[in-house]
Amino acid sequence: MSGNARLMSVILAPVISEKSTELGDKRRTVSFRVLADARKDEIARAAAKLFEVKVKKVRVVNVRGRTVTRGGTVGRRASWKKAYVVLAEGSDINFAEVS
């Protein structure tokens, strides 16, 4: 996969939750679901390219899948990776306007 195509596929989706909304309001931080093998520098470049913002810092968390029970069957949801992207002063991402 070429470098530009890889950057366009690193960020999978924004994480919209109460915690991520509060972080965005207070600390200019946006949460994204990213590829499991994505690195911090790739995430920063992808966010800067896709949303045309300046990225100050990236933190990454591996979210473990929960154990779920349906009937008598025990299963496990898939694990995934979340990235907290801190935006530089004056940068902002409004998901209502992004299409």
PDB file of N, CA and C in Angstrom:
ATOM      1  N   MET A   1       0.854  -1.175   0.000  1.00  0.00           N
ATOM      2  CA  MET A   1       0.000   0.000   0.000  1.00  0.00           C
ATOM      3  C   MET A   1       0.896   1.233   0.000  1.00  0.00           C
ATOM      4  N   SER A   2       0.622   2.175  -0.861  1.00  0.00           N
ATOM      5  CA  SER A   2       1.439   3.373  -0.924  1.00  0.00           C
ATOM      6  C   SER A   2       1.243   4.220   0.325  1.00  0.00           C
ATOM      7  N   GLY A   3       2.176   5.129   0.576  1.00  0.00           N
ATOM      8  CA  GLY A   3       2.142   5.939   1.787  1.00  0.00           C
ATOM      9  C   GLY A   3       0.895   6.793   1.909  1.00  0.00           C
ATOM     10  N   ASN A   4       0.468   7.398   0.797  1.00  0.00           N
ATOM     11  CA  ASN A   4      -0.709   8.258   0.825  1.00  0.00           C
ATOM     12  C   ASN A   4      -1.984   7.454   1.054  1.00  0.00           C
ATOM     13  N   ALA A   5      -2.092   6.292   0.435  1.00  0.00           N
ATOM     14  CA  ALA A   5      -3.268   5.441   0.632  1.00  0.00           C
ATOM     15  C   ALA A   5      -3.304   4.904   2.049  1.00  0.00           C
ATOM     16  N   ARG A   6      -2.150   4.602   2.612  1.00  0.00           N
ATOM     17  CA  ARG A   6      -2.080   4.125   3.995  1.00  0.00           C
ATOM     18  C   ARG A   6      -2.588   5.215   4.944  1.00  0.00           C
ATOM     19  N   LEU A   7      -2.167   6.450   4.732  1.00  0.00           N
ATOM     20  CA  LEU A   7      -2.611   7.555   5.596  1.00  0.00           C
ATOM     21  C   LEU A   7      -4.128   7.732   5.552  1.00  0.00           C
ATOM     22  N   MET A   8      -4.706   7.547   4.383  1.00  0.00           N
ATOM     23  CA  MET A   8      -6.155   7.731   4.252  1.00  0.00           C
ATOM     24  C   MET A   8      -6.935   6.615   4.942  1.00  0.00           C
ATOM     25  N   SER A   9      -6.284   5.475   5.225  1.00  0.00           N
ATOM     26  CA  SER A   9      -7.002   4.362   5.842  1.00  0.00           C
ATOM     27  C   SER A   9      -6.653   4.150   7.307  1.00  0.00           C
ATOM     28  N   VAL A  10      -5.746   4.940   7.870  1.00  0.00           N
ATOM     29  CA  VAL A  10      -5.327   4.759   9.264  1.00  0.00           C
ATOM     30  C   VAL A  10      -6.462   5.079  10.226  1.00  0.00           C
ATOM     31  N   ILE A  11      -7.153   6.191  10.029  1.00  0.00           N
ATOM     32  CA  ILE A  11      -8.258   6.588  10.899  1.00  0.00           C
ATOM     33  C   ILE A  11      -9.529   5.931  10.388  1.00  0.00           C
ATOM     34  N   LEU A  12     -10.153   5.110  11.249  1.00  0.00           N
ATOM     35  CA  LEU A  12     -11.351   4.381  10.845  1.00  0.00           C
ATOM     36  C   LEU A  12     -12.627   5.162  11.132  1.00  0.00           C
ATOM     37  N   ALA A  13     -12.740   5.740  12.346  1.00  0.00           N
ATOM     38  CA  ALA A  13     -13.966   6.447  12.719  1.00  0.00           C
ATOM     39  C   ALA A  13     -13.709   7.280  13.970  1.00  0.00           C
ATOM     40  N   PRO A  14     -14.466   8.348  14.149  1.00  0.00           N
ATOM     41  CA  PRO A  14     -14.370   9.086  15.412  1.00  0.00           C
ATOM     42  C   PRO A  14     -15.082   8.306  16.512  1.00  0.00           C
ATOM     43  N   VAL A  15     -14.601   8.452  17.738  1.00  0.00           N
ATOM     44  CA  VAL A  15     -15.251   7.838  18.888  1.00  0.00           C
ATOM     45  C   VAL A  15     -16.103   8.922  19.533  1.00  0.00           C
ATOM     46  N   ILE A  16     -17.423   8.757  19.444  1.00  0.00           N
ATOM     47  CA  ILE A  16     -18.343   9.738  20.003  1.00  0.00           C
ATOM     48  C   ILE A  16     -18.912   9.164  21.297  1.00  0.00           C
ATOM     49  N   SER A  17     -18.507   9.736  22.408  1.00  0.00           N
ATOM     50  CA  SER A  17     -18.994   9.308  23.714  1.00  0.00           C
ATOM     51  C   SER A  17     -19.014  10.521  24.634  1.00  0.00           C
ATOM     52  N   GLU A  18     -19.541  10.329  25.813  1.00  0.00           N
ATOM     53  CA  GLU A  18     -19.593  11.431  26.776  1.00  0.00           C
ATOM     54  C   GLU A  18     -18.177  11.872  27.145  1.00  0.00           C
ATOM     55  N   LYS A  19     -17.294  10.915  27.366  1.00  0.00           N
ATOM     56  CA  LYS A  19     -15.918  11.231  27.733  1.00  0.00           C
ATOM     57  C   LYS A  19     -15.193  11.972  26.608  1.00  0.00           C
ATOM     58  N   SER A  20     -15.336  11.503  25.368  1.00  0.00           N
ATOM     59  CA  SER A  20     -14.634  12.143  24.266  1.00  0.00           C
ATOM     60  C   SER A  20     -15.175  13.548  23.985  1.00  0.00           C
ATOM     61  N   THR A  21     -16.469  13.748  24.187  1.00  0.00           N
ATOM     62  CA  THR A  21     -17.056  15.072  24.007  1.00  0.00           C
ATOM     63  C   THR A  21     -16.520  16.048  25.056  1.00  0.00           C
ATOM     64  N   GLU A  22     -16.416  15.588  26.287  1.00  0.00           N
ATOM     65  CA  GLU A  22     -15.893  16.431  27.360  1.00  0.00           C
ATOM     66  C   GLU A  22     -14.420  16.770  27.123  1.00  0.00           C
ATOM     67  N   LEU A  23     -13.638  15.789  26.678  1.00  0.00           N
ATOM     68  CA  LEU A  23     -12.231  16.047  26.361  1.00  0.00           C
ATOM     69  C   LEU A  23     -12.103  17.060  25.229  1.00  0.00           C
ATOM     70  N   GLY A  24     -12.965  16.961  24.241  1.00  0.00           N
ATOM     71  CA  GLY A  24     -12.923  17.900  23.129  1.00  0.00           C
ATOM     72  C   GLY A  24     -13.237  19.318  23.562  1.00  0.00           C
ATOM     73  N   ASP A  25     -14.197  19.454  24.470  1.00  0.00           N
ATOM     74  CA  ASP A  25     -14.574  20.781  24.940  1.00  0.00           C
ATOM     75  C   ASP A  25     -13.502  21.403  25.833  1.00  0.00           C
ATOM     76  N   LYS A  26     -12.905  20.607  26.700  1.00  0.00           N
ATOM     77  CA  LYS A  26     -11.974  21.150  27.689  1.00  0.00           C
ATOM     78  C   LYS A  26     -10.526  21.193  27.226  1.00  0.00           C
ATOM     79  N   ARG A  27     -10.105  20.196  26.424  1.00  0.00           N
ATOM     80  CA  ARG A  27      -8.677  20.062  26.137  1.00  0.00           C
ATOM     81  C   ARG A  27      -8.332  19.984  24.660  1.00  0.00           C
ATOM     82  N   ARG A  28      -9.270  20.313  23.758  1.00  0.00           N
ATOM     83  CA  ARG A  28      -9.032  20.248  22.313  1.00  0.00           C
ATOM     84  C   ARG A  28      -8.492  18.878  21.903  1.00  0.00           C
ATOM     85  N   THR A  29      -9.106  17.820  22.461  1.00  0.00           N
ATOM     86  CA  THR A  29      -8.687  16.448  22.170  1.00  0.00           C
ATOM     87  C   THR A  29      -9.806  15.728  21.432  1.00  0.00           C
ATOM     88  N   VAL A  30      -9.449  15.015  20.370  1.00  0.00           N
ATOM     89  CA  VAL A  30     -10.415  14.263  19.568  1.00  0.00           C
ATOM     90  C   VAL A  30     -10.027  12.790  19.632  1.00  0.00           C
ATOM     91  N   SER A  31     -11.022  11.902  19.775  1.00  0.00           N
ATOM     92  CA  SER A  31     -10.767  10.465  19.854  1.00  0.00           C
ATOM     93  C   SER A  31     -11.128   9.798  18.536  1.00  0.00           C
ATOM     94  N   PHE A  32     -10.259   8.875  18.096  1.00  0.00           N
ATOM     95  CA  PHE A  32     -10.495   8.143  16.858  1.00  0.00           C
ATOM     96  C   PHE A  32     -10.272   6.654  17.072  1.00  0.00           C
ATOM     97  N   ARG A  33     -11.044   5.844  16.363  1.00  0.00           N
ATOM     98  CA  ARG A  33     -10.768   4.418  16.258  1.00  0.00           C
ATOM     99  C   ARG A  33      -9.788   4.283  15.093  1.00  0.00           C
ATOM    100  N   VAL A  34      -8.650   3.608  15.311  1.00  0.00           N
ATOM    101  CA  VAL A  34      -7.605   3.527  14.296  1.00  0.00           C
ATOM    102  C   VAL A  34      -7.237   2.069  14.023  1.00  0.00           C
ATOM    103  N   LEU A  35      -6.461   1.857  12.971  1.00  0.00           N
ATOM    104  CA  LEU A  35      -5.988   0.513  12.649  1.00  0.00           C
ATOM    105  C   LEU A  35      -5.160  -0.045  13.798  1.00  0.00           C
ATOM    106  N   ALA A  36      -5.196  -1.354  13.974  1.00  0.00           N
ATOM    107  CA  ALA A  36      -4.499  -1.997  15.087  1.00  0.00           C
ATOM    108  C   ALA A  36      -2.981  -1.847  14.988  1.00  0.00           C
ATOM    109  N   ASP A  37      -2.447  -1.693  13.782  1.00  0.00           N
ATOM    110  CA  ASP A  37      -0.995  -1.575  13.623  1.00  0.00           C
ATOM    111  C   ASP A  37      -0.547  -0.134  13.344  1.00  0.00           C
ATOM    112  N   ALA A  38      -1.415   0.839  13.601  1.00  0.00           N
ATOM    113  CA  ALA A  38      -1.086   2.246  13.337  1.00  0.00           C
ATOM    114  C   ALA A  38      -0.113   2.782  14.383  1.00  0.00           C
ATOM    115  N   ARG A  39       0.826   3.607  13.925  1.00  0.00           N
ATOM    116  CA  ARG A  39       1.793   4.238  14.816  1.00  0.00           C
ATOM    117  C   ARG A  39       1.378   5.688  15.072  1.00  0.00           C
ATOM    118  N   LYS A  40       1.935   6.279  16.124  1.00  0.00           N
ATOM    119  CA  LYS A  40       1.571   7.647  16.501  1.00  0.00           C
ATOM    120  C   LYS A  40       1.857   8.642  15.380  1.00  0.00           C
ATOM    121  N   ASP A  41       3.010   8.522  14.732  1.00  0.00           N
ATOM    122  CA  ASP A  41       3.349   9.473  13.670  1.00  0.00           C
ATOM    123  C   ASP A  41       2.400   9.348  12.484  1.00  0.00           C
ATOM    124  N   GLU A  42       1.967   8.118  12.168  1.00  0.00           N
ATOM    125  CA  GLU A  42       1.003   7.920  11.083  1.00  0.00           C
ATOM    126  C   GLU A  42      -0.347   8.536  11.431  1.00  0.00           C
ATOM    127  N   ILE A  43      -0.770   8.363  12.675  1.00  0.00           N
ATOM    128  CA  ILE A  43      -2.055   8.910  13.116  1.00  0.00           C
ATOM    129  C   ILE A  43      -2.025  10.427  13.049  1.00  0.00           C
ATOM    130  N   ALA A  44      -0.929  11.031  13.489  1.00  0.00           N
ATOM    131  CA  ALA A  44      -0.802  12.491  13.459  1.00  0.00           C
ATOM    132  C   ALA A  44      -0.839  13.016  12.024  1.00  0.00           C
ATOM    133  N   ARG A  45      -0.098  12.366  11.118  1.00  0.00           N
ATOM    134  CA  ARG A  45      -0.088  12.808   9.723  1.00  0.00           C
ATOM    135  C   ARG A  45      -1.446  12.604   9.064  1.00  0.00           C
ATOM    136  N   ALA A  46      -2.121  11.496   9.390  1.00  0.00           N
ATOM    137  CA  ALA A  46      -3.438  11.224   8.810  1.00  0.00           C
ATOM    138  C   ALA A  46      -4.465  12.253   9.272  1.00  0.00           C
ATOM    139  N   ALA A  47      -4.468  12.584  10.557  1.00  0.00           N
ATOM    140  CA  ALA A  47      -5.410  13.575  11.077  1.00  0.00           C
ATOM    141  C   ALA A  47      -5.137  14.949  10.459  1.00  0.00           C
ATOM    142  N   ALA A  48      -3.871  15.305  10.337  1.00  0.00           N
ATOM    143  CA  ALA A  48      -3.517  16.599   9.743  1.00  0.00           C
ATOM    144  C   ALA A  48      -3.957  16.668   8.285  1.00  0.00           C
ATOM    145  N   LYS A  49      -3.792  15.577   7.562  1.00  0.00           N
ATOM    146  CA  LYS A  49      -4.146  15.560   6.137  1.00  0.00           C
ATOM    147  C   LYS A  49      -5.662  15.512   5.922  1.00  0.00           C
ATOM    148  N   LEU A  50      -6.358  14.640   6.665  1.00  0.00           N
ATOM    149  CA  LEU A  50      -7.800  14.471   6.468  1.00  0.00           C
ATOM    150  C   LEU A  50      -8.612  15.683   6.914  1.00  0.00           C
ATOM    151  N   PHE A  51      -8.245  16.262   8.063  1.00  0.00           N
ATOM    152  CA  PHE A  51      -9.067  17.323   8.643  1.00  0.00           C
ATOM    153  C   PHE A  51      -8.426  18.704   8.560  1.00  0.00           C
ATOM    154  N   GLU A  52      -7.232  18.787   7.960  1.00  0.00           N
ATOM    155  CA  GLU A  52      -6.522  20.059   7.773  1.00  0.00           C
ATOM    156  C   GLU A  52      -6.372  20.819   9.085  1.00  0.00           C
ATOM    157  N   VAL A  53      -5.782  20.159  10.073  1.00  0.00           N
ATOM    158  CA  VAL A  53      -5.526  20.747  11.388  1.00  0.00           C
ATOM    159  C   VAL A  53      -4.066  20.530  11.741  1.00  0.00           C
ATOM    160  N   LYS A  54      -3.579  21.242  12.773  1.00  0.00           N
ATOM    161  CA  LYS A  54      -2.242  21.020  13.307  1.00  0.00           C
ATOM    162  C   LYS A  54      -2.374  20.119  14.527  1.00  0.00           C
ATOM    163  N   VAL A  55      -1.606  19.060  14.557  1.00  0.00           N
ATOM    164  CA  VAL A  55      -1.646  18.099  15.661  1.00  0.00           C
ATOM    165  C   VAL A  55      -0.493  18.380  16.608  1.00  0.00           C
ATOM    166  N   LYS A  56      -0.825  18.495  17.891  1.00  0.00           N
ATOM    167  CA  LYS A  56       0.183  18.773  18.906  1.00  0.00           C
ATOM    168  C   LYS A  56       0.741  17.484  19.496  1.00  0.00           C
ATOM    169  N   LYS A  57      -0.150  16.507  19.770  1.00  0.00           N
ATOM    170  CA  LYS A  57       0.270  15.302  20.466  1.00  0.00           C
ATOM    171  C   LYS A  57      -0.705  14.172  20.165  1.00  0.00           C
ATOM    172  N   VAL A  58      -0.219  12.927  20.205  1.00  0.00           N
ATOM    173  CA  VAL A  58      -1.070  11.749  20.001  1.00  0.00           C
ATOM    174  C   VAL A  58      -0.797  10.752  21.122  1.00  0.00           C
ATOM    175  N   ARG A  59      -1.866  10.268  21.744  1.00  0.00           N
ATOM    176  CA  ARG A  59      -1.776   9.194  22.738  1.00  0.00           C
ATOM    177  C   ARG A  59      -2.580   8.019  22.209  1.00  0.00           C
ATOM    178  N   VAL A  60      -2.094   6.799  22.443  1.00  0.00           N
ATOM    179  CA  VAL A  60      -2.720   5.605  21.897  1.00  0.00           C
ATOM    180  C   VAL A  60      -3.076   4.643  23.032  1.00  0.00           C
ATOM    181  N   VAL A  61      -4.274   4.037  22.922  1.00  0.00           N
ATOM    182  CA  VAL A  61      -4.752   3.080  23.918  1.00  0.00           C
ATOM    183  C   VAL A  61      -5.234   1.839  23.190  1.00  0.00           C
ATOM    184  N   ASN A  62      -4.818   0.670  23.663  1.00  0.00           N
ATOM    185  CA  ASN A  62      -5.358  -0.583  23.155  1.00  0.00           C
ATOM    186  C   ASN A  62      -6.549  -0.951  24.017  1.00  0.00           C
ATOM    187  N   VAL A  63      -7.739  -1.019  23.415  1.00  0.00           N
ATOM    188  CA  VAL A  63      -8.977  -1.320  24.143  1.00  0.00           C
ATOM    189  C   VAL A  63      -9.241  -2.820  24.015  1.00  0.00           C
ATOM    190  N   ARG A  64      -9.290  -3.492  25.145  1.00  0.00           N
ATOM    191  CA  ARG A  64      -9.528  -4.933  25.130  1.00  0.00           C
ATOM    192  C   ARG A  64     -10.997  -5.217  24.885  1.00  0.00           C
ATOM    193  N   GLY A  65     -11.258  -6.261  24.110  1.00  0.00           N
ATOM    194  CA  GLY A  65     -12.632  -6.667  23.839  1.00  0.00           C
ATOM    195  C   GLY A  65     -13.267  -7.275  25.084  1.00  0.00           C
ATOM    196  N   ARG A  66     -14.545  -7.005  25.282  1.00  0.00           N
ATOM    197  CA  ARG A  66     -15.260  -7.519  26.447  1.00  0.00           C
ATOM    198  C   ARG A  66     -15.712  -8.950  26.208  1.00  0.00           C
ATOM    199  N   THR A  67     -15.865  -9.682  27.298  1.00  0.00           N
ATOM    200  CA  THR A  67     -16.472 -11.004  27.234  1.00  0.00           C
ATOM    201  C   THR A  67     -17.981 -10.817  27.273  1.00  0.00           C
ATOM    202  N   VAL A  68     -18.683 -11.458  26.353  1.00  0.00           N
ATOM    203  CA  VAL A  68     -20.136 -11.334  26.286  1.00  0.00           C
ATOM    204  C   VAL A  68     -20.764 -12.726  26.334  1.00  0.00           C
ATOM    205  N   THR A  69     -21.963 -12.791  26.892  1.00  0.00           N
ATOM    206  CA  THR A  69     -22.691 -14.051  26.966  1.00  0.00           C
ATOM    207  C   THR A  69     -24.030 -13.885  26.281  1.00  0.00           C
ATOM    208  N   ARG A  70     -24.327 -14.778  25.358  1.00  0.00           N
ATOM    209  CA  ARG A  70     -25.622 -14.787  24.670  1.00  0.00           C
ATOM    210  C   ARG A  70     -26.200 -16.181  24.836  1.00  0.00           C
ATOM    211  N   GLY A  71     -27.264 -16.290  25.586  1.00  0.00           N
ATOM    212  CA  GLY A  71     -27.813 -17.607  25.885  1.00  0.00           C
ATOM    213  C   GLY A  71     -26.827 -18.337  26.770  1.00  0.00           C
ATOM    214  N   GLY A  72     -26.370 -19.489  26.360  1.00  0.00           N
ATOM    215  CA  GLY A  72     -25.370 -20.225  27.121  1.00  0.00           C
ATOM    216  C   GLY A  72     -23.990 -20.136  26.513  1.00  0.00           C
ATOM    217  N   THR A  73     -23.853 -19.362  25.435  1.00  0.00           N
ATOM    218  CA  THR A  73     -22.592 -19.273  24.723  1.00  0.00           C
ATOM    219  C   THR A  73     -21.788 -18.068  25.198  1.00  0.00           C
ATOM    220  N   VAL A  74     -20.527 -18.308  25.503  1.00  0.00           N
ATOM    221  CA  VAL A  74     -19.635 -17.228  25.926  1.00  0.00           C
ATOM    222  C   VAL A  74     -18.743 -16.878  24.746  1.00  0.00           C
ATOM    223  N   GLY A  75     -18.665 -15.595  24.460  1.00  0.00           N
ATOM    224  CA  GLY A  75     -17.829 -15.141  23.352  1.00  0.00           C
ATOM    225  C   GLY A  75     -17.024 -13.922  23.771  1.00  0.00           C
ATOM    226  N   ARG A  76     -16.324 -13.345  22.816  1.00  0.00           N
ATOM    227  CA  ARG A  76     -15.505 -12.175  23.105  1.00  0.00           C
ATOM    228  C   ARG A  76     -15.614 -11.199  21.942  1.00  0.00           C
ATOM    229  N   ARG A  77     -15.797  -9.923  22.264  1.00  0.00           N
ATOM    230  CA  ARG A  77     -15.784  -8.889  21.229  1.00  0.00           C
ATOM    231  C   ARG A  77     -14.339  -8.611  20.836  1.00  0.00           C
ATOM    232  N   ALA A  78     -14.166  -8.082  19.659  1.00  0.00           N
ATOM    233  CA  ALA A  78     -12.820  -7.833  19.144  1.00  0.00           C
ATOM    234  C   ALA A  78     -12.146  -6.687  19.893  1.00  0.00           C
ATOM    235  N   SER A  79     -10.851  -6.802  20.103  1.00  0.00           N
ATOM    236  CA  SER A  79     -10.064  -5.712  20.667  1.00  0.00           C
ATOM    237  C   SER A  79      -9.799  -4.687  19.565  1.00  0.00           C
ATOM    238  N   TRP A  80      -9.563  -3.422  19.963  1.00  0.00           N
ATOM    239  CA  TRP A  80      -9.324  -2.376  18.983  1.00  0.00           C
ATOM    240  C   TRP A  80      -8.422  -1.305  19.570  1.00  0.00           C
ATOM    241  N   LYS A  81      -7.971  -0.399  18.736  1.00  0.00           N
ATOM    242  CA  LYS A  81      -7.044   0.650  19.150  1.00  0.00           C
ATOM    243  C   LYS A  81      -7.714   2.005  19.037  1.00  0.00           C
ATOM    244  N   LYS A  82      -7.529   2.820  20.084  1.00  0.00           N
ATOM    245  CA  LYS A  82      -8.093   4.167  20.123  1.00  0.00           C
ATOM    246  C   LYS A  82      -6.948   5.174  20.211  1.00  0.00           C
ATOM    247  N   ALA A  83      -7.081   6.284  19.503  1.00  0.00           N
ATOM    248  CA  ALA A  83      -6.079   7.343  19.537  1.00  0.00           C
ATOM    249  C   ALA A  83      -6.715   8.633  20.021  1.00  0.00           C
ATOM    250  N   TYR A  84      -6.070   9.266  20.985  1.00  0.00           N
ATOM    251  CA  TYR A  84      -6.470  10.595  21.447  1.00  0.00           C
ATOM    252  C   TYR A  84      -5.539  11.591  20.762  1.00  0.00           C
ATOM    253  N   VAL A  85      -6.089  12.441  19.908  1.00  0.00           N
ATOM    254  CA  VAL A  85      -5.306  13.416  19.154  1.00  0.00           C
ATOM    255  C   VAL A  85      -5.534  14.794  19.768  1.00  0.00           C
ATOM    256  N   VAL A  86      -4.457  15.393  20.286  1.00  0.00           N
ATOM    257  CA  VAL A  86      -4.531  16.732  20.870  1.00  0.00           C
ATOM    258  C   VAL A  86      -4.218  17.728  19.767  1.00  0.00           C
ATOM    259  N   LEU A  87      -5.134  18.649  19.542  1.00  0.00           N
ATOM    260  CA  LEU A  87      -4.977  19.633  18.469  1.00  0.00           C
ATOM    261  C   LEU A  87      -4.248  20.870  18.972  1.00  0.00           C
ATOM    262  N   ALA A  88      -3.505  21.505  18.093  1.00  0.00           N
ATOM    263  CA  ALA A  88      -2.793  22.731  18.430  1.00  0.00           C
ATOM    264  C   ALA A  88      -3.786  23.870  18.633  1.00  0.00           C
ATOM    265  N   GLU A  89      -3.326  24.912  19.277  1.00  0.00           N
ATOM    266  CA  GLU A  89      -4.157  26.096  19.536  1.00  0.00           C
ATOM    267  C   GLU A  89      -4.681  26.655  18.219  1.00  0.00           C
ATOM    268  N   GLY A  90      -5.982  26.920  18.158  1.00  0.00           N
ATOM    269  CA  GLY A  90      -6.591  27.471  16.964  1.00  0.00           C
ATOM    270  C   GLY A  90      -7.116  26.427  15.994  1.00  0.00           C
ATOM    271  N   SER A  91      -6.794  25.160  16.194  1.00  0.00           N
ATOM    272  CA  SER A  91      -7.297  24.086  15.330  1.00  0.00           C
ATOM    273  C   SER A  91      -8.543  23.477  15.945  1.00  0.00           C
ATOM    274  N   ASP A  92      -9.476  23.055  15.089  1.00  0.00           N
ATOM    275  CA  ASP A  92     -10.716  22.464  15.582  1.00  0.00           C
ATOM    276  C   ASP A  92     -11.298  21.552  14.509  1.00  0.00           C
ATOM    277  N   ILE A  93     -11.921  20.451  14.956  1.00  0.00           N
ATOM    278  CA  ILE A  93     -12.613  19.548  14.051  1.00  0.00           C
ATOM    279  C   ILE A  93     -14.073  19.525  14.466  1.00  0.00           C
ATOM    280  N   ASN A  94     -14.952  19.892  13.544  1.00  0.00           N
ATOM    281  CA  ASN A  94     -16.387  19.852  13.801  1.00  0.00           C
ATOM    282  C   ASN A  94     -16.963  18.730  12.937  1.00  0.00           C
ATOM    283  N   PHE A  95     -17.350  17.620  13.580  1.00  0.00           N
ATOM    284  CA  PHE A  95     -17.816  16.465  12.818  1.00  0.00           C
ATOM    285  C   PHE A  95     -19.174  16.702  12.175  1.00  0.00           C
ATOM    286  N   ALA A  96     -19.897  17.688  12.623  1.00  0.00           N
ATOM    287  CA  ALA A  96     -21.189  18.012  12.008  1.00  0.00           C
ATOM    288  C   ALA A  96     -20.982  18.584  10.600  1.00  0.00           C
ATOM    289  N   GLU A  97     -19.872  19.271  10.381  1.00  0.00           N
ATOM    290  CA  GLU A  97     -19.595  19.892   9.090  1.00  0.00           C
ATOM    291  C   GLU A  97     -18.813  18.992   8.153  1.00  0.00           C
ATOM    292  N   VAL A  98     -18.042  18.020   8.704  1.00  0.00           N
ATOM    293  CA  VAL A  98     -17.225  17.123   7.893  1.00  0.00           C
ATOM    294  C   VAL A  98     -18.124  16.098   7.234  1.00  0.00           C
ATOM    295  N   SER A  99     -17.970  15.928   5.907  1.00  0.00           N
ATOM    296  CA  SER A  99     -18.789  14.933   5.221  1.00  0.00           C
ATOM    297  C   SER A  99     -17.976  13.787   4.700  1.00  0.00           C
TER     298      SER A  99
END
